[in-house]
N, C-alpha and C. Protein backbone atom coordinates (compact mmCIF):
# COMPACT_ATOMS: atom_id res chain seq x y z
N MET A 1 0.67 -1.14 -0.13
CA MET A 1 0.10 -0.07 -0.21
C MET A 1 1.00 1.31 -0.21
N THR A 2 1.85 1.10 0.47
CA THR A 2 2.86 2.47 0.45
C THR A 2 3.10 2.70 -0.67
N ASP A 3 3.17 1.36 -1.50
CA ASP A 3 3.61 1.79 -3.11
C ASP A 3 2.26 2.76 -3.77
N LEU A 4 1.13 2.66 -3.21
CA LEU A 4 0.31 3.34 -3.96
C LEU A 4 0.19 4.72 -3.37
N TYR A 5 0.58 4.75 -2.32
CA TYR A 5 0.46 6.37 -1.96
C TYR A 5 1.57 7.18 -2.68
N ILE A 6 2.42 6.66 -3.21
CA ILE A 6 3.76 7.26 -3.86
C ILE A 6 3.26 7.96 -4.77
N PRO A 7 2.86 7.29 -6.14
CA PRO A 7 2.14 7.85 -7.15
C PRO A 7 1.22 8.77 -7.01
N ILE A 8 0.13 8.76 -6.21
CA ILE A 8 -0.69 9.67 -5.66
C ILE A 8 -0.04 11.19 -5.22
N ALA A 9 0.74 10.85 -4.07
CA ALA A 9 1.54 11.94 -3.98
C ALA A 9 2.15 13.00 -4.72
N GLN A 10 2.79 12.23 -5.83
CA GLN A 10 3.54 12.80 -6.72
C GLN A 10 2.55 13.50 -7.68
N VAL A 11 1.25 12.98 -7.97
CA VAL A 11 0.24 13.41 -8.66
C VAL A 11 -0.33 14.72 -8.28
N ILE A 12 -0.54 14.80 -6.77
CA ILE A 12 -1.03 15.80 -6.13
C ILE A 12 0.24 16.83 -6.06
N LEU A 13 1.39 16.39 -6.23
CA LEU A 13 2.43 17.66 -5.90
C LEU A 13 2.79 18.00 -7.30
N ALA A 14 2.37 17.26 -8.45
CA ALA A 14 2.67 17.98 -9.67
C ALA A 14 1.33 18.88 -10.01
N VAL A 15 0.27 18.46 -9.76
CA VAL A 15 -0.90 19.61 -9.60
C VAL A 15 -0.63 20.80 -9.02
N ALA A 16 -0.09 20.83 -7.75
CA ALA A 16 0.38 21.80 -7.01
C ALA A 16 1.53 22.61 -7.46
N MET A 17 2.21 21.91 -8.32
CA MET A 17 3.40 22.81 -8.92
C MET A 17 2.87 23.41 -9.99
N LEU A 18 1.72 22.89 -10.67
CA LEU A 18 1.06 23.77 -11.88
C LEU A 18 0.51 24.65 -11.51
N GLY A 19 -0.17 24.74 -10.17
CA GLY A 19 -0.97 25.89 -9.77
C GLY A 19 0.17 27.02 -9.18
N VAL A 20 1.33 26.43 -8.95
CA VAL A 20 2.25 27.53 -8.29
C VAL A 20 2.83 28.22 -9.77
N ALA A 21 2.85 27.41 -10.57
CA ALA A 21 3.56 27.95 -11.98
C ALA A 21 2.53 29.18 -12.55
N VAL A 22 1.07 28.81 -12.57
CA VAL A 22 0.12 29.65 -13.08
C VAL A 22 0.27 30.86 -12.11
N LEU A 23 0.30 30.81 -11.12
CA LEU A 23 0.24 32.07 -9.96
C LEU A 23 1.59 33.02 -10.27
N CYS A 24 2.73 32.16 -10.65
CA CYS A 24 4.00 33.03 -10.83
C CYS A 24 3.90 33.37 -12.42
N ILE A 25 2.96 33.16 -13.02
CA ILE A 25 2.84 33.89 -14.16
C ILE A 25 2.11 34.75 -14.23
N ARG A 26 0.93 34.95 -13.16
CA ARG A 26 -0.03 35.70 -13.42
C ARG A 26 0.80 36.95 -12.43
N LEU A 27 1.81 36.79 -11.44
CA LEU A 27 2.54 37.47 -10.81
C LEU A 27 3.31 38.16 -11.68
N ASP A 28 4.11 37.56 -12.51
CA ASP A 28 4.88 38.29 -13.12
C ASP A 28 4.18 39.31 -14.42
N ARG A 29 3.02 39.00 -14.66
CA ARG A 29 2.35 39.86 -15.45
C ARG A 29 1.97 41.10 -14.47
N LYS A 30 1.60 40.94 -13.34
CA LYS A 30 1.23 42.13 -12.68
C LYS A 30 2.69 43.02 -12.22
N ILE A 31 3.69 42.29 -11.85
CA ILE A 31 4.62 42.98 -12.00
C ILE A 31 5.17 43.99 -13.17
N THR A 32 5.27 43.02 -14.43
CA THR A 32 5.42 43.78 -15.59
C THR A 32 4.61 45.08 -15.60
N ALA A 33 3.49 44.83 -15.46
CA ALA A 33 2.41 46.02 -15.59
C ALA A 33 2.75 47.25 -14.55
N LEU A 34 2.98 47.02 -13.24
CA LEU A 34 3.41 47.97 -12.47
C LEU A 34 4.55 48.60 -12.73
N ARG A 35 5.72 47.85 -13.42
CA ARG A 35 6.79 48.55 -13.90
C ARG A 35 6.92 49.63 -15.03
N GLU A 36 5.62 49.22 -15.99
CA GLU A 36 5.18 49.99 -16.90
C GLU A 36 4.19 51.26 -16.49
N GLY A 37 3.60 50.91 -15.30
CA GLY A 37 2.73 51.99 -14.78
C GLY A 37 3.68 52.80 -14.06
N LYS A 38 4.86 52.54 -13.57
CA LYS A 38 5.86 53.16 -12.61
C LYS A 38 6.21 54.49 -13.40
N ASP A 39 6.42 54.59 -14.92
CA ASP A 39 6.47 55.61 -15.65
C ASP A 39 5.29 56.63 -15.83
N GLY A 40 4.46 55.79 -15.41
CA GLY A 40 3.08 56.80 -15.72
C GLY A 40 2.77 57.38 -14.72
N VAL A 41 3.29 56.73 -13.45
CA VAL A 41 2.89 57.28 -11.92
C VAL A 41 4.11 58.47 -12.01
N ALA A 42 5.17 57.90 -12.43
CA ALA A 42 6.10 59.21 -12.31
C ALA A 42 5.91 60.34 -13.32
N ALA A 43 5.19 60.10 -14.34
CA ALA A 43 4.89 61.49 -15.07
C ALA A 43 3.48 61.92 -14.46
N ALA A 44 2.67 61.29 -13.84
CA ALA A 44 1.95 61.62 -12.94
C ALA A 44 2.27 62.58 -11.79
N ALA A 45 3.11 61.97 -11.10
CA ALA A 45 3.73 62.79 -10.11
C ALA A 45 4.68 63.86 -10.35
N ALA A 46 4.89 64.15 -11.67
CA ALA A 46 5.65 65.26 -12.17
C ALA A 46 4.44 66.23 -12.37
N GLU A 47 3.43 65.91 -13.01
CA GLU A 47 2.35 66.94 -13.55
C GLU A 47 1.69 67.35 -12.32
N LEU A 48 1.74 66.42 -11.13
CA LEU A 48 1.00 66.90 -9.99
C LEU A 48 1.88 67.87 -9.29
N ALA A 49 3.22 67.96 -9.45
CA ALA A 49 4.41 68.70 -8.73
C ALA A 49 3.83 70.14 -9.41
N LEU A 50 3.80 70.05 -10.93
CA LEU A 50 3.54 71.14 -11.72
C LEU A 50 2.29 72.12 -11.06
N ALA A 51 1.43 70.92 -10.88
CA ALA A 51 0.01 72.00 -10.60
C ALA A 51 0.06 72.25 -9.26
N VAL A 52 0.63 71.76 -8.23
CA VAL A 52 0.94 72.49 -6.79
C VAL A 52 2.02 73.39 -7.04
N GLY A 53 2.89 73.63 -7.75
CA GLY A 53 3.71 74.70 -7.90
C GLY A 53 2.74 76.19 -8.46
N ARG A 54 1.90 75.72 -9.43
CA ARG A 54 0.82 76.84 -10.05
C ARG A 54 -0.26 77.21 -8.77
N ALA A 55 -0.44 76.29 -8.29
CA ALA A 55 -1.53 76.55 -7.21
C ALA A 55 -1.02 77.57 -6.07
N GLU A 56 0.43 77.36 -5.70
CA GLU A 56 1.11 77.86 -4.65
C GLU A 56 1.29 79.28 -5.13
N ALA A 57 1.55 79.51 -6.64
CA ALA A 57 1.90 80.81 -6.99
C ALA A 57 0.35 81.67 -7.31
N SER A 58 -0.55 80.87 -7.29
CA SER A 58 -1.85 81.33 -7.39
C SER A 58 -2.30 81.50 -5.99
N VAL A 59 -2.10 81.06 -5.08
CA VAL A 59 -2.43 81.47 -3.62
C VAL A 59 -1.68 82.60 -3.25
N ALA A 60 -0.31 82.72 -3.44
CA ALA A 60 0.55 84.04 -3.21
C ALA A 60 -0.20 85.07 -3.92
N ALA A 61 -0.59 85.19 -5.13
CA ALA A 61 -1.21 86.28 -5.85
C ALA A 61 -2.56 86.66 -5.33
N LEU A 62 -3.31 85.80 -5.12
CA LEU A 62 -4.53 85.88 -4.20
C LEU A 62 -4.32 86.70 -3.05
N LYS A 63 -2.91 85.92 -2.09
CA LYS A 63 -3.00 86.85 -0.95
C LYS A 63 -2.64 88.12 -0.99
N SER A 64 -1.72 88.59 -1.95
CA SER A 64 -1.18 89.71 -2.14
C SER A 64 -2.39 90.94 -2.87
N VAL A 65 -3.34 90.19 -3.75
CA VAL A 65 -4.19 91.09 -4.06
C VAL A 65 -5.54 91.30 -2.77
N SER A 66 -5.65 90.47 -1.89
CA SER A 66 -6.77 90.31 -0.94
C SER A 66 -6.12 91.17 0.24
N GLN A 67 -4.84 91.38 0.42
CA GLN A 67 -4.03 92.15 1.24
C GLN A 67 -4.28 93.83 0.71
N ALA A 68 -3.95 94.15 -0.51
CA ALA A 68 -4.35 95.39 -1.37
C ALA A 68 -5.72 95.54 -1.08
N ALA A 69 -6.67 94.96 -1.42
CA ALA A 69 -8.01 95.24 -1.25
C ALA A 69 -8.62 95.35 0.16
N GLY A 70 -7.89 94.95 1.21
CA GLY A 70 -8.21 94.88 2.69
C GLY A 70 -7.54 96.19 2.98
N GLU A 71 -6.44 96.68 2.40
CA GLU A 71 -5.99 98.36 2.70
C GLU A 71 -6.98 99.18 2.25
N ASP A 72 -7.62 98.82 1.10
CA ASP A 72 -8.39 99.89 0.47
C ASP A 72 -9.69 99.81 1.31
N LEU A 73 -10.05 98.73 1.44
CA LEU A 73 -11.05 98.85 2.34
C LEU A 73 -11.08 99.34 3.66
N GLN A 74 -9.92 99.23 4.16
CA GLN A 74 -9.84 99.95 5.73
C GLN A 74 -9.80 101.48 5.63
N ARG A 75 -9.01 102.00 4.42
CA ARG A 75 -9.16 103.41 4.15
C ARG A 75 -10.64 103.55 4.10
N SER A 76 -11.46 103.06 3.02
CA SER A 76 -12.64 103.70 2.87
C SER A 76 -13.44 103.61 4.01
N ILE A 77 -13.18 102.83 5.43
CA ILE A 77 -13.61 102.41 6.53
C ILE A 77 -13.63 103.90 7.07
N GLU A 78 -12.09 104.04 7.18
CA GLU A 78 -11.83 105.11 8.13
C GLU A 78 -12.43 106.36 7.56
N GLU A 79 -12.55 106.77 6.07
CA GLU A 79 -13.13 107.86 5.55
C GLU A 79 -14.50 107.77 5.87
N ALA A 80 -15.20 106.69 5.72
CA ALA A 80 -16.62 106.76 6.14
C ALA A 80 -16.85 107.13 7.64
N ARG A 81 -15.92 106.80 8.44
CA ARG A 81 -16.14 106.87 9.94
C ARG A 81 -15.84 108.61 10.30
N ALA A 82 -14.90 109.07 9.55
CA ALA A 82 -14.81 110.44 9.41
C ALA A 82 -15.73 111.32 8.90
N SER A 83 -16.37 110.88 7.97
CA SER A 83 -17.61 111.61 7.52
C SER A 83 -18.79 111.37 8.55
N ALA A 84 -19.00 110.09 9.19
CA ALA A 84 -19.94 110.20 10.29
C ALA A 84 -19.83 110.96 11.05
N GLU A 85 -18.69 111.21 11.61
CA GLU A 85 -18.44 111.95 12.53
C GLU A 85 -18.55 113.27 12.24
N ALA A 86 -18.34 114.04 11.18
CA ALA A 86 -18.69 115.23 10.83
C ALA A 86 -20.01 115.42 10.60
N LEU A 87 -20.89 114.56 10.19
CA LEU A 87 -22.28 114.36 10.01
C LEU A 87 -22.88 114.61 11.20
N LYS A 88 -22.37 114.01 12.44
CA LYS A 88 -23.03 113.73 13.68
C LYS A 88 -22.75 115.12 14.11
N PHE A 89 -21.45 115.82 13.96
CA PHE A 89 -21.28 116.92 14.52
C PHE A 89 -22.30 117.91 13.96
N LEU A 90 -22.63 117.82 12.42
CA LEU A 90 -23.33 118.80 12.34
C LEU A 90 -24.74 118.62 12.41
N VAL A 91 -25.14 117.27 12.88
CA VAL A 91 -26.47 117.02 13.42
C VAL A 91 -26.71 117.66 14.61
N THR A 92 -26.00 117.40 15.57
CA THR A 92 -25.98 117.99 16.87
C THR A 92 -25.81 119.52 16.82
N THR A 93 -25.04 119.76 16.04
CA THR A 93 -25.00 121.49 15.93
C THR A 93 -26.56 121.99 15.48
N ALA A 94 -26.90 121.26 14.49
CA ALA A 94 -28.11 122.06 13.87
C ALA A 94 -29.14 121.84 14.89
N ARG A 95 -29.39 120.59 15.78
CA ARG A 95 -30.28 120.75 16.92
C ARG A 95 -30.19 121.69 17.90
N ALA A 96 -28.78 121.86 18.37
CA ALA A 96 -28.72 123.02 19.23
C ALA A 96 -29.27 124.48 18.70
N VAL A 97 -28.99 124.76 17.71
CA VAL A 97 -29.12 126.10 17.27
C VAL A 97 -31.00 126.14 17.05
N GLU A 98 -31.40 127.08 17.74
CA GLU A 98 -32.74 127.38 17.83
C GLU A 98 -33.27 128.04 16.49
N VAL A 99 -34.10 127.52 15.59
CA VAL A 99 -34.86 127.81 14.21
C VAL A 99 -35.42 129.21 14.79
N LYS A 100 -35.49 130.37 14.12
CA LYS A 100 -35.82 131.46 14.60
C LYS A 100 -36.79 131.73 13.13
N PRO A 101 -37.94 132.23 12.98
CA PRO A 101 -38.11 132.55 11.97
C PRO A 101 -37.78 133.79 11.43
N ALA A 102 -37.89 134.26 10.11
CA ALA A 102 -37.07 135.36 9.70
C ALA A 102 -38.14 136.67 9.89
N PRO A 103 -37.49 137.67 10.63
CA PRO A 103 -38.33 138.61 10.49
C PRO A 103 -39.27 139.28 9.34
N ALA A 104 -40.45 139.77 9.61
CA ALA A 104 -41.04 140.04 8.63
C ALA A 104 -40.65 141.41 8.03
N ALA A 105 -40.71 141.58 6.40
CA ALA A 105 -40.12 142.54 6.00
C ALA A 105 -40.71 143.86 6.48
N GLU A 106 -40.33 145.01 6.62
CA GLU A 106 -40.81 146.29 6.78
C GLU A 106 -41.43 146.77 5.77
N PRO A 107 -42.58 147.38 5.87
CA PRO A 107 -43.05 147.83 4.63
C PRO A 107 -42.34 149.16 4.17
N ALA A 108 -42.40 149.15 3.08
CA ALA A 108 -41.45 150.38 2.32
C ALA A 108 -42.23 151.47 2.76
N PRO A 109 -41.59 152.79 3.34
CA PRO A 109 -42.12 153.81 3.64
C PRO A 109 -43.20 154.73 2.34
N ALA A 110 -44.28 155.06 2.67
CA ALA A 110 -44.93 155.62 1.89
C ALA A 110 -44.16 156.96 1.25
N ARG A 111 -44.17 157.16 0.24
CA ARG A 111 -43.78 158.46 -0.36
C ARG A 111 -44.50 159.75 -0.15
N GLN A 112 -43.64 160.45 0.22
CA GLN A 112 -44.53 161.71 0.44
C GLN A 112 -44.48 162.29 -0.71
N SER A 113 -45.35 163.06 -0.77
CA SER A 113 -45.57 163.89 -2.26
C SER A 113 -45.10 165.13 -1.94
N ARG A 114 -44.20 165.99 -2.82
CA ARG A 114 -43.35 166.83 -2.43
C ARG A 114 -43.93 167.91 -3.77
N ASP A 115 -44.22 169.03 -3.03
CA ASP A 115 -44.67 170.08 -3.51
C ASP A 115 -43.17 170.83 -4.03
N LEU A 116 -43.12 171.08 -5.37
CA LEU A 116 -41.87 171.73 -5.90
C LEU A 116 -41.96 173.35 -5.87
N ARG A 117 -42.82 173.79 -5.36
CA ARG A 117 -43.09 175.08 -5.27
C ARG A 117 -42.29 175.69 -3.85
N TRP A 118 -41.82 176.45 -3.61
CA TRP A 118 -41.35 176.87 -2.19
C TRP A 118 -42.20 177.21 -1.32
N ASP A 119 -42.10 177.13 -0.10
CA ASP A 119 -42.68 177.54 1.01
C ASP A 119 -43.28 178.76 0.97
N GLU A 120 -44.60 178.90 1.45
CA GLU A 120 -45.06 180.11 1.33
C GLU A 120 -44.43 181.22 2.38
N GLU A 121 -43.64 180.94 3.45
CA GLU A 121 -43.01 181.63 4.41
C GLU A 121 -41.79 182.36 3.69
N GLU A 122 -41.16 181.47 2.70
CA GLU A 122 -39.64 182.06 2.12
C GLU A 122 -40.09 183.15 1.26
N LEU A 123 -39.13 184.17 1.11
CA LEU A 123 -39.49 185.14 0.23
C LEU A 123 -38.75 184.93 -1.20
N GLU A 124 -38.97 185.18 -2.17
CA GLU A 124 -38.81 185.22 -3.33
C GLU A 124 -37.00 185.27 -3.56
N ASP A 125 -36.92 186.53 -2.55
CA ASP A 125 -35.37 187.01 -2.62
C ASP A 125 -34.44 185.76 -2.06
N ASP A 126 -35.03 185.38 -0.75
CA ASP A 126 -34.25 184.46 0.03
C ASP A 126 -34.45 182.85 -0.76
N PHE A 127 -35.15 182.80 -1.60
CA PHE A 127 -35.36 181.42 -2.18
C PHE A 127 -33.95 180.75 -2.68
N ARG A 128 -33.09 181.61 -3.44
CA ARG A 128 -31.75 180.80 -3.97
C ARG A 128 -31.07 180.67 -2.65
N LEU A 129 -30.91 181.50 -1.62
CA LEU A 129 -30.12 180.83 -0.50
C LEU A 129 -30.53 179.85 0.10
N ALA A 130 -32.11 179.90 0.20
CA ALA A 130 -32.54 178.63 1.07
C ALA A 130 -32.49 177.51 0.00
N ARG A 131 -32.40 177.50 -0.96
CA ARG A 131 -32.38 176.39 -1.85
C ARG A 131 -30.85 175.96 -1.70
N ARG A 132 -29.93 176.62 -1.76
CA ARG A 132 -28.48 176.23 -1.75
C ARG A 132 -28.37 175.42 -0.54
N ALA A 133 -28.81 175.86 0.67
CA ALA A 133 -28.77 175.48 2.15
C ALA A 133 -29.07 174.04 2.16
N ARG A 134 -30.44 173.77 1.80
CA ARG A 134 -31.17 172.60 1.79
C ARG A 134 -30.58 171.55 0.71
N PRO A 135 -30.78 169.86 1.29
CA PRO A 135 -30.02 169.19 0.31
C PRO A 135 -31.40 168.97 -1.06
N LEU A 136 -30.66 168.91 -1.92
CA LEU A 136 -31.60 168.57 -3.25
C LEU A 136 -32.65 167.53 -3.13
N THR A 137 -32.72 166.70 -2.27
CA THR A 137 -33.85 165.78 -2.26
C THR A 137 -34.90 166.21 -1.60
N GLU A 138 -34.56 167.47 -0.53
CA GLU A 138 -35.81 168.29 -0.13
C GLU A 138 -36.32 169.24 -1.06
N THR A 139 -35.49 169.53 -1.92
CA THR A 139 -35.83 171.32 -2.55
C THR A 139 -36.51 170.42 -3.78
N TRP A 140 -36.31 169.47 -4.39
CA TRP A 140 -36.70 168.99 -5.56
C TRP A 140 -37.01 167.35 -5.88
N GLY A 141 -37.22 167.01 -4.43
CA GLY A 141 -37.80 165.53 -4.79
C GLY A 141 -36.65 164.62 -5.42
N GLY A 142 -35.45 164.94 -5.11
CA GLY A 142 -34.00 163.98 -5.51
C GLY A 142 -34.15 164.33 -7.27
N LEU A 143 -34.63 165.29 -7.85
CA LEU A 143 -34.55 165.66 -9.39
C LEU A 143 -33.51 166.55 -9.37
N ARG A 144 -32.70 166.44 -10.29
CA ARG A 144 -31.60 167.34 -10.65
C ARG A 144 -31.71 168.48 -11.78
């Protein structure tokens, strides 16, 4: 019976060896694919490195632009605060000042009718002297 087990063991060993050979062939193909893919991975890694470099440059540019925009915004906020303070001062001053109505305009004085003739009390001889002593507005009603 021992003779019978030896050929069965050899057949089992041959099948196991055949299975191992198949697994080795599959493993070899996977290793070859990995080696070929390694170049693709290297190219992808290089492309990724370039993309990271571009992203870093973009982030730096965005940082400088946002900093400039922040400074402009801060300047605008300070100007707005100054304007608000000035406006607050004007409002406070306007509330403090009492609003008084404008005085009514005085009616124009009625024009007095002037008699261009001399006064009855004056004599004709004294008329010339009296006329020189009085202003023209009294004597002739402002006429020249």
